[in-house]
Protein backbone atom coordinates (compact mmCIF):
# COMPACT_ATOMS: atom_id res chain seq x y z
CA UNK A 1 -12.98 -5.95 -14.31
CA UNK A 2 -9.65 -4.19 -14.76
CA UNK A 3 -6.60 -5.56 -12.97
CA UNK A 4 -4.80 -3.18 -10.60
CA UNK A 5 -1.15 -4.01 -10.02
CA UNK A 6 1.20 -2.95 -7.25
CA UNK A 7 4.76 -1.81 -7.90
CA UNK A 8 7.54 -3.98 -6.45
CA UNK A 9 8.53 -1.61 -3.62
CA UNK A 10 4.93 -0.98 -2.62
CA UNK A 11 4.29 -4.72 -2.72
CA UNK A 12 7.23 -5.37 -0.39
CA UNK A 13 5.84 -2.84 2.08
CA UNK A 14 2.33 -4.25 1.88
CA UNK A 15 3.52 -7.82 2.40
CA UNK A 16 4.98 -6.74 5.78
CA UNK A 17 1.52 -5.50 6.75
CA UNK A 18 -0.15 -8.86 6.06
CA UNK A 19 -0.16 -9.83 9.74
CA UNK A 20 -3.78 -10.58 10.64
CA UNK A 21 -4.50 -13.33 8.12
CA UNK A 22 -3.73 -14.05 4.46
CA UNK A 23 -5.15 -11.82 1.77
CA UNK A 24 -6.31 -14.91 -0.14
CA UNK A 25 -8.66 -15.53 2.77
CA UNK A 26 -9.62 -12.12 4.12
CA UNK A 27 -8.74 -9.53 1.47
CA UNK A 28 -7.86 -6.15 2.96
CA UNK A 29 -8.90 -7.38 6.40
CA UNK A 30 -5.74 -9.53 6.43
CA UNK A 31 -3.58 -6.41 6.65
CA UNK A 32 -2.60 -4.20 9.56
CA UNK A 33 -1.57 -1.00 7.82
CA UNK A 34 0.33 0.45 10.75
CA UNK A 35 3.42 2.66 10.52
CA UNK A 36 5.50 0.16 12.51
CA UNK A 37 5.01 -2.48 9.80
CA UNK A 38 5.82 0.01 7.05
CA UNK A 39 8.92 1.18 8.92
CA UNK A 40 9.99 -2.45 9.36
CA UNK A 41 9.64 -3.05 5.62
CA UNK A 42 11.64 0.07 4.82
CA UNK A 43 14.45 -0.94 7.20
CA UNK A 44 14.53 -4.38 5.57
CA UNK A 45 15.18 -2.76 2.17
CA UNK A 46 18.89 -2.40 2.85
CA UNK A 47 19.71 -1.96 -0.84
CA UNK A 48 18.23 1.58 -0.79
CA UNK A 49 18.26 4.65 1.40
CA UNK A 50 15.18 4.75 3.65
CA UNK A 51 13.94 8.06 2.28
CA UNK A 52 14.42 6.76 -1.26
CA UNK A 53 12.46 3.59 -0.47
CA UNK A 54 9.59 5.55 1.04
CA UNK A 55 9.56 7.94 -1.91
CA UNK A 56 9.48 5.03 -4.36
CA UNK A 57 6.64 3.35 -2.44
CA UNK A 58 4.72 6.64 -2.56
CA UNK A 59 5.32 6.95 -6.32
CA UNK A 60 4.05 3.42 -6.82
CA UNK A 61 1.02 4.17 -4.65
CA UNK A 62 0.30 7.18 -6.84
CA UNK A 63 0.59 4.98 -9.94
CA UNK A 64 -1.76 2.41 -8.36
CA UNK A 65 -4.28 5.16 -7.68
CA UNK A 66 -3.96 6.44 -11.25
CA UNK A 67 -4.59 2.93 -12.61
CA UNK A 68 -7.84 2.75 -10.69
CA UNK A 69 -8.99 6.21 -11.66
CA UNK A 70 -8.48 5.60 -15.37
CA UNK A 71 -10.83 2.63 -15.55
CA UNK A 72 -14.57 2.96 -16.05
CA UNK A 73 -16.85 1.55 -13.40
CA UNK A 74 -17.95 -2.03 -13.86
CA UNK A 75 -21.48 -3.29 -13.21
CA UNK A 76 -20.77 -3.35 -9.46
CA UNK A 77 -19.43 0.21 -9.32
CA UNK A 78 -15.80 -0.90 -9.05
CA UNK A 79 -12.80 0.48 -10.92
CA UNK A 80 -10.63 -2.59 -10.60
CA UNK A 81 -9.43 -5.68 -8.80
CA UNK A 82 -6.07 -6.11 -7.08
CA UNK A 83 -5.25 -9.80 -6.92
CA UNK A 84 -2.49 -9.37 -4.31
CA UNK A 85 -4.86 -7.53 -1.96
CA UNK A 86 -7.76 -9.81 -2.96
CA UNK A 87 -9.92 -6.73 -3.20
CA UNK A 88 -11.95 -4.81 -5.71
CA UNK A 89 -12.18 -1.07 -5.22
CA UNK A 90 -14.93 1.43 -5.80
CA UNK A 91 -13.58 4.92 -6.43
CA UNK A 92 -14.38 5.90 -2.83
CA UNK A 93 -12.74 2.77 -1.39
CA UNK A 94 -9.65 3.37 -3.49
CA UNK A 95 -9.39 6.93 -2.20
CA UNK A 96 -9.80 5.82 1.40
CA UNK A 97 -7.13 3.14 1.08
CA UNK A 98 -4.67 5.42 -0.75
CA UNK A 99 -5.16 8.14 1.87
CA UNK A 100 -4.64 5.58 4.65
CA UNK A 101 -1.41 4.40 3.03
CA UNK A 102 -0.12 7.95 2.55
CA UNK A 103 -0.75 8.69 6.21
CA UNK A 104 0.97 5.45 7.13
CA UNK A 105 4.01 6.35 4.99
CA UNK A 106 4.21 9.80 6.59
CA UNK A 107 3.98 8.34 10.09
CA UNK A 108 6.52 5.62 9.28
CA UNK A 109 8.97 8.30 8.08
CA UNK A 110 8.51 10.16 11.37
CA UNK A 111 8.97 6.91 13.29
CA UNK A 112 12.20 6.13 11.45
CA UNK A 113 13.48 9.65 12.05
CA UNK A 114 12.71 9.34 15.74
CA UNK A 115 14.42 5.93 15.95
CA UNK A 116 17.51 7.36 14.26
CA UNK A 117 17.65 10.15 16.84
CA UNK A 118 17.88 7.72 19.76
């Protein structure tokens, strides 16, 4: 099975979402992909502008998706395995997760904008 790797910025965001359990134990179920966790991760990345950090995380998410879509299906119908998420993805599962993350990034950006306006 092909290995799917996360970019460093995307990984930092995802690690902030690992609040329910540990991925080594529960896979994707260990994560709470909520905009508040993403926004928290972006704020913690003080070395970059917030918009730049979100844009980079989105680029890395796009690259992650492209990795998965370039691999042929294995005998279980999966396109790859992400060790850090402890999850293998079918094409449909990959699309669902990527869409969920994009929505989360969009909502986190709105949340940060709102917080800045206060």
